[in-house]
Structures are given as structure tokens and as C-alpha cells.
Amino acid sequence: MSGLRVLVGCKRVIDYAVKVRVRPDKTGVVTEGVKHSMNPFDEIALEEAVRLKEKSVASEIVAVSCGPKQCQETLRTALAVGADRAIHVTVEGEEYEQLQPLAVAKIIAKLAQQEKTDLVILGKQAIDDDSAQTGQMVAGILGWPQATFASKLLKEDGYLKVTREVDGGLEHIKVKLPAIVTADLRLNEPRYATLPNIMKAKKKPITTLTPKDLGVDTSPRFSVLSVEDPPQREAGSKVANVDELIAKLKAVGVV
């Protein structure tokens, strides 16, 4: 079997170090003038794809992102890290505000078919909506095996041996290619793009498409009624002994 053609999802999200603020009208969070970066779990997915190529397991890496024109900055980062080319599926304005995992999964599934992809690697979840649904939905749409929450990946003949992180510890599974993998935190440690590679990335191609080009309907399946800040946590207090603790718990009706 020749080298794998790998498709990697690279979502643009509010940077993990930014304090997220809810809009005054409670329709979402403030994104204007806020620093964005690649979803950290997608960085791990991209790093794993690059490592597969360095081992000659993968022959080509295609990075894909859905969203406004600013997503091209995220894709340039992916190209600088090691992707060979990129696809930007343009989704703007209200359509982007209402873009949901099912629509993204349909887009990625279509691209996987068009690109004759052998392996799709996505982050296990995005840090903005924490849905953790897209990879599983892509697998369902394509009818491909899935290995989610992967912490170790090894190709063997026409299979992937994957170590998964589950509640009870680690699970070892074997999936036949083509397949979907979602990356967990301990799969690897992403590298930084070097300056020479950042310069080279400017010459790498980014193909621009729309959901309509792919025949995908992005209409939302559910509506967000309100986005609220979590309740402020009240300050704790110290007690001198067990009796005082029990008295305080009784006072608030806990015991």
C-alpha cells in the first residue's frame, strides 16, 4: 500500500488564553477584536499527520477549515507546520454563527471522498463549543471505522492500531483503513512552525470552496436560546471544628 492521503481538520477558535466574554444580548460570545488560533486538539491532530509523513507512512497532508476569511491564517499555520496544501470552505456571517457539527461533518465527509482520503484525523473536540461530535459523525456518514480519543497511533499493513483513553484506563483497538481518528491530549506534543517554513507556507496552495460547491446544506438543526455566564462562586469560609461544620451545613439545609 502506498503512503496514506491524510485529511486534517483545523478549526479557528478563540485562543485558549483569552477570557471569554458573553455578548450583552446573550446570543453568543464576543469574537470581534479577540485573538484566535488553531484549536489545540487540532494542533495535535496535525502534528500526528506530520509525524506519519516523516515516517513515510503518509504521502500527503491536506488541512481543511470551515469559516470566514480569517481561517486562511489558521490554514497558513497548518501549512507552515507541515501540511502540503489546504482547503478553505468559506462560511460567513450568520451562516457561520449557526454552523453546527453535523454540517461540518458533512463537509469533511464530502472532502474525504473527493480527495480519496485514506485517513481523517481531527481533534477530539473544539475548545469553543466542546461538542466532541464531528469525528463520530464523519465516520457515520462515510460508514468508516472510527478510533476516538486516541493517545497512540501505529500503522500495520492496512490497519491502524490505536490506543484510546477511556474512563477505566486505556483501550487498544485495531481499525481497517480508511478510517477516522480523533486526537486526545496525550497523543503527542505539537511543534512550533519555524520561520523558514512560515515563509515556504506562503507559496503553498489554498483551495477555496463553499458548502454549496460540495452540495452541503448548513441549516442549523437546533437553536441556541441564550448564552449565560456561569454563576459566580461564593467565597468559602473556615471552621474551627467538626461541630461548627455540621452546624453550618444544617443552616444551609445540606444535612
Protein backbone atom coordinates (compact mmCIF):
# COMPACT_ATOMS: atom_id res chain seq x y z
CA MET A 1 0.00 0.00 0.00
CA SER A 2 1.38 3.43 -0.95
CA GLY A 3 1.56 6.34 1.51
CA LEU A 4 -1.69 7.45 3.11
CA ARG A 5 -3.55 10.53 1.99
CA VAL A 6 -4.43 12.31 5.24
CA LEU A 7 -7.11 14.96 5.77
CA VAL A 8 -6.77 17.06 8.94
CA GLY A 9 -9.35 19.41 10.44
CA CYS A 10 -8.02 22.78 11.61
CA LYS A 11 -10.69 24.83 13.35
CA ARG A 12 -10.17 28.51 14.15
CA VAL A 13 -11.23 29.21 17.75
CA ILE A 14 -10.82 31.91 20.37
CA ASP A 15 -7.33 31.48 21.80
CA TYR A 16 -7.21 29.31 24.92
CA ALA A 17 -5.52 32.09 26.92
CA VAL A 18 -8.31 34.65 26.25
CA LYS A 19 -11.02 35.25 28.85
CA VAL A 20 -14.28 34.63 27.00
CA ARG A 21 -16.99 37.29 27.38
CA VAL A 22 -20.71 36.81 26.76
CA ARG A 23 -22.38 39.33 24.45
CA PRO A 24 -24.74 41.80 26.15
CA ASP A 25 -27.70 40.36 24.19
CA LYS A 26 -26.75 36.82 25.34
CA THR A 27 -26.81 35.45 21.77
CA GLY A 28 -23.22 34.17 21.95
CA VAL A 29 -19.72 35.23 22.95
CA VAL A 30 -17.71 38.24 21.85
CA THR A 31 -15.43 37.36 18.91
CA GLU A 32 -14.70 40.80 17.45
CA GLY A 33 -11.20 42.06 18.26
CA VAL A 34 -10.37 38.84 20.11
CA LYS A 35 -7.26 36.76 19.46
CA HIS A 36 -7.95 33.49 17.63
CA SER A 37 -5.74 30.47 17.00
CA MET A 38 -5.96 26.86 15.88
CA ASN A 39 -7.96 24.59 18.16
CA PRO A 40 -5.35 22.90 20.43
CA PHE A 41 -6.69 19.38 19.77
CA ASP A 42 -6.47 20.07 16.03
CA GLU A 43 -2.83 21.08 16.51
CA ILE A 44 -2.28 17.61 17.99
CA ALA A 45 -4.09 16.00 15.04
CA LEU A 46 -1.93 17.96 12.59
CA GLU A 47 1.27 17.04 14.44
CA GLU A 48 0.36 13.35 14.24
CA ALA A 49 -0.23 13.63 10.49
CA VAL A 50 3.16 15.32 10.04
CA ARG A 51 4.85 12.59 12.08
CA LEU A 52 3.20 9.95 9.90
CA LYS A 53 4.60 11.70 6.83
CA GLU A 54 8.07 11.91 8.39
CA LYS A 55 7.92 8.11 8.86
CA SER A 56 6.86 7.75 5.18
CA VAL A 57 3.52 6.34 6.34
CA ALA A 58 1.64 9.32 4.87
CA SER A 59 2.30 10.73 1.40
CA GLU A 60 0.17 13.89 1.53
CA ILE A 61 -1.46 16.01 4.22
CA VAL A 62 -4.42 18.24 3.37
CA ALA A 63 -5.59 20.72 6.02
CA VAL A 64 -9.22 21.88 5.97
CA SER A 65 -11.02 24.67 7.81
CA CYS A 66 -14.61 25.93 7.65
CA GLY A 67 -15.37 29.56 8.42
CA PRO A 68 -14.70 33.18 7.47
CA LYS A 69 -11.72 34.51 5.51
CA GLN A 70 -9.64 34.70 8.71
CA CYS A 71 -9.50 30.89 8.66
CA GLN A 72 -6.84 31.23 5.98
CA GLU A 73 -4.45 32.43 8.71
CA THR A 74 -5.11 29.17 10.58
CA LEU A 75 -4.52 27.20 7.39
CA ARG A 76 -1.24 29.04 6.72
CA THR A 77 -0.12 27.95 10.19
CA ALA A 78 -1.03 24.36 9.29
CA LEU A 79 0.94 24.64 6.05
CA ALA A 80 3.93 26.01 7.97
CA VAL A 81 3.81 23.10 10.41
CA GLY A 82 3.86 20.56 7.60
CA ALA A 83 0.60 20.26 5.64
CA ASP A 84 1.13 20.07 1.86
CA ARG A 85 -1.94 22.03 0.84
CA ALA A 86 -5.14 23.38 2.33
CA ILE A 87 -8.85 23.70 1.62
CA HIS A 88 -10.84 26.63 2.97
CA VAL A 89 -14.60 26.10 2.98
CA THR A 90 -15.90 29.66 3.23
CA VAL A 91 -18.78 30.20 5.66
CA GLU A 92 -19.53 33.81 6.60
CA GLY A 93 -21.84 35.90 8.76
CA GLU A 94 -24.97 34.39 10.24
CA GLU A 95 -24.38 31.08 8.44
CA TYR A 96 -21.06 30.77 10.28
CA GLU A 97 -22.61 31.80 13.60
CA GLN A 98 -25.06 28.90 13.23
CA LEU A 99 -22.61 26.35 11.80
CA GLN A 100 -23.06 23.11 13.73
CA PRO A 101 -21.10 19.83 13.98
CA LEU A 102 -23.39 17.90 11.61
CA ALA A 103 -22.85 20.41 8.78
CA VAL A 104 -19.08 20.40 9.37
CA ALA A 105 -19.11 16.59 9.39
CA LYS A 106 -20.94 16.54 6.05
CA ILE A 107 -18.37 18.96 4.58
CA ILE A 108 -15.41 16.88 5.81
CA ALA A 109 -17.04 13.66 4.58
CA LYS A 110 -17.52 15.15 1.09
CA LEU A 111 -13.92 16.36 1.01
CA ALA A 112 -12.66 12.97 2.18
CA GLN A 113 -14.45 11.35 -0.73
CA GLN A 114 -13.30 13.93 -3.27
CA GLU A 115 -9.70 13.79 -2.10
CA LYS A 116 -9.70 9.96 -1.98
CA THR A 117 -8.55 10.22 1.62
CA ASP A 118 -7.27 7.16 3.49
CA LEU A 119 -7.24 8.73 6.95
CA VAL A 120 -9.09 11.65 8.54
CA ILE A 121 -7.54 12.99 11.75
CA LEU A 122 -9.48 15.53 13.80
CA GLY A 123 -9.13 16.93 17.30
CA LYS A 124 -11.37 15.06 19.74
CA GLN A 125 -13.25 18.32 20.40
CA ALA A 126 -13.05 22.07 19.89
CA ILE A 127 -12.43 24.25 22.93
CA ASP A 128 -15.17 26.73 21.96
CA ASP A 129 -18.28 24.51 21.85
CA ASP A 130 -16.81 21.29 23.36
CA SER A 131 -19.22 19.24 21.23
CA ALA A 132 -16.86 16.28 20.58
CA GLN A 133 -19.22 15.11 17.82
CA THR A 134 -17.70 15.86 14.41
CA GLY A 135 -15.33 12.90 14.09
CA GLN A 136 -18.01 10.41 15.08
CA MET A 137 -20.49 11.97 12.65
CA VAL A 138 -17.97 11.85 9.77
CA ALA A 139 -17.45 8.14 10.46
CA GLY A 140 -21.22 7.60 10.49
CA ILE A 141 -21.77 9.46 7.22
CA LEU A 142 -18.97 7.62 5.41
CA GLY A 143 -19.50 4.25 7.07
CA TRP A 144 -15.81 4.17 8.06
CA PRO A 145 -14.32 2.73 11.26
CA GLN A 146 -13.56 5.28 13.98
CA ALA A 147 -10.92 5.45 16.69
CA THR A 148 -11.78 8.34 19.00
CA PHE A 149 -9.77 9.87 21.87
CA ALA A 150 -6.54 8.38 20.50
CA SER A 151 -3.39 8.61 22.64
CA LYS A 152 -1.21 6.39 20.41
CA LEU A 153 -1.32 5.57 16.70
CA LEU A 154 0.52 2.87 14.76
CA LYS A 155 0.01 1.72 11.16
CA GLU A 156 0.25 -2.00 10.50
CA ASP A 157 -0.45 -3.28 6.97
CA GLY A 158 -3.91 -1.97 6.03
CA TYR A 159 -4.86 -1.32 9.65
CA LEU A 160 -4.29 1.21 12.40
CA LYS A 161 -3.56 0.06 15.93
CA VAL A 162 -4.91 2.76 18.23
CA THR A 163 -4.67 3.23 21.98
CA ARG A 164 -7.74 5.06 23.29
CA GLU A 165 -8.19 6.91 26.56
CA VAL A 166 -11.37 5.73 28.28
CA ASP A 167 -12.81 6.22 31.77
CA GLY A 168 -11.38 2.94 33.05
CA GLY A 169 -7.88 3.44 31.61
CA LEU A 170 -6.61 2.52 28.14
CA GLU A 171 -8.32 0.57 25.37
CA HIS A 172 -6.39 -0.97 22.45
CA ILE A 173 -8.26 -1.35 19.17
CA LYS A 174 -7.49 -2.17 15.54
CA VAL A 175 -9.34 -0.40 12.72
CA LYS A 176 -9.25 -1.01 9.00
CA LEU A 177 -8.36 1.83 6.66
CA PRO A 178 -9.87 4.16 5.52
CA ALA A 179 -10.72 5.38 8.99
CA ILE A 180 -11.46 8.37 11.23
CA VAL A 181 -9.21 9.18 14.21
CA THR A 182 -9.79 11.89 16.82
CA ALA A 183 -6.76 13.07 18.77
CA ASP A 184 -6.60 13.20 22.56
CA LEU A 185 -4.26 15.37 24.62
CA ARG A 186 -1.52 12.77 25.14
CA LEU A 187 -1.17 11.67 21.51
CA ASN A 188 1.83 14.00 21.04
CA GLU A 189 3.23 17.44 21.74
CA PRO A 190 2.76 19.78 18.75
CA ARG A 191 5.78 21.53 17.29
CA TYR A 192 6.13 25.23 16.55
CA ALA A 193 6.39 26.39 12.97
CA THR A 194 9.90 27.58 12.09
CA LEU A 195 10.48 30.88 10.29
CA PRO A 196 11.76 29.21 7.06
CA ASN A 197 8.65 27.00 6.99
CA ILE A 198 6.39 30.01 7.64
CA MET A 199 7.92 31.65 4.56
CA LYS A 200 7.52 28.46 2.48
CA ALA A 201 3.89 28.18 3.57
CA LYS A 202 3.07 31.41 1.75
CA LYS A 203 3.66 29.59 -1.55
CA LYS A 204 1.63 26.50 -0.72
CA PRO A 205 -1.84 26.35 -2.30
CA ILE A 206 -5.14 27.02 -0.51
CA THR A 207 -8.25 25.98 -2.44
CA THR A 208 -11.39 27.97 -1.61
CA LEU A 209 -14.81 26.32 -1.77
CA THR A 210 -18.28 26.91 -0.35
CA PRO A 211 -20.69 24.41 1.23
CA LYS A 212 -22.85 24.83 -1.88
CA ASP A 213 -19.94 23.67 -4.07
CA LEU A 214 -19.94 20.46 -2.04
CA GLY A 215 -23.71 20.09 -2.04
CA VAL A 216 -23.94 20.52 1.74
CA ASP A 217 -26.86 22.21 3.49
CA THR A 218 -25.57 24.06 6.57
CA SER A 219 -29.01 24.89 8.00
CA PRO A 220 -28.91 24.54 11.82
CA ARG A 221 -30.71 21.59 13.42
CA PHE A 222 -31.19 23.32 16.78
CA SER A 223 -31.34 26.89 18.10
CA VAL A 224 -29.37 28.44 20.95
CA LEU A 225 -31.86 30.25 23.14
CA SER A 226 -29.42 32.03 25.45
CA VAL A 227 -25.75 32.06 26.42
CA GLU A 228 -25.09 32.82 30.07
CA ASP A 229 -22.02 33.40 32.22
CA PRO A 230 -21.54 30.66 34.81
CA PRO A 231 -22.77 31.73 38.27
CA GLN A 232 -20.18 33.45 40.43
CA ARG A 233 -18.77 31.09 43.01
CA GLU A 234 -19.33 32.30 46.55
CA ALA A 235 -16.33 32.64 48.83
CA GLY A 236 -15.72 29.77 51.24
CA SER A 237 -15.18 30.02 54.97
CA LYS A 238 -13.05 28.21 57.54
CA VAL A 239 -14.47 26.35 60.52
CA ALA A 240 -12.72 25.63 63.79
CA ASN A 241 -14.05 22.12 64.34
CA VAL A 242 -16.45 19.39 63.18
CA ASP A 243 -19.34 20.65 65.31
CA GLU A 244 -19.16 24.08 63.67
CA LEU A 245 -19.01 22.44 60.23
CA ILE A 246 -22.14 20.38 60.93
CA ALA A 247 -23.94 23.45 62.25
CA LYS A 248 -23.16 25.39 59.06
CA LEU A 249 -24.26 22.51 56.84
CA LYS A 250 -27.54 22.28 58.74
CA ALA A 251 -28.03 26.03 58.41
CA VAL A 252 -27.94 25.78 54.60
CA GLY A 253 -30.06 22.65 54.53
CA VAL A 254 -27.39 20.25 53.26
CA VAL A 255 -27.73 17.87 56.23
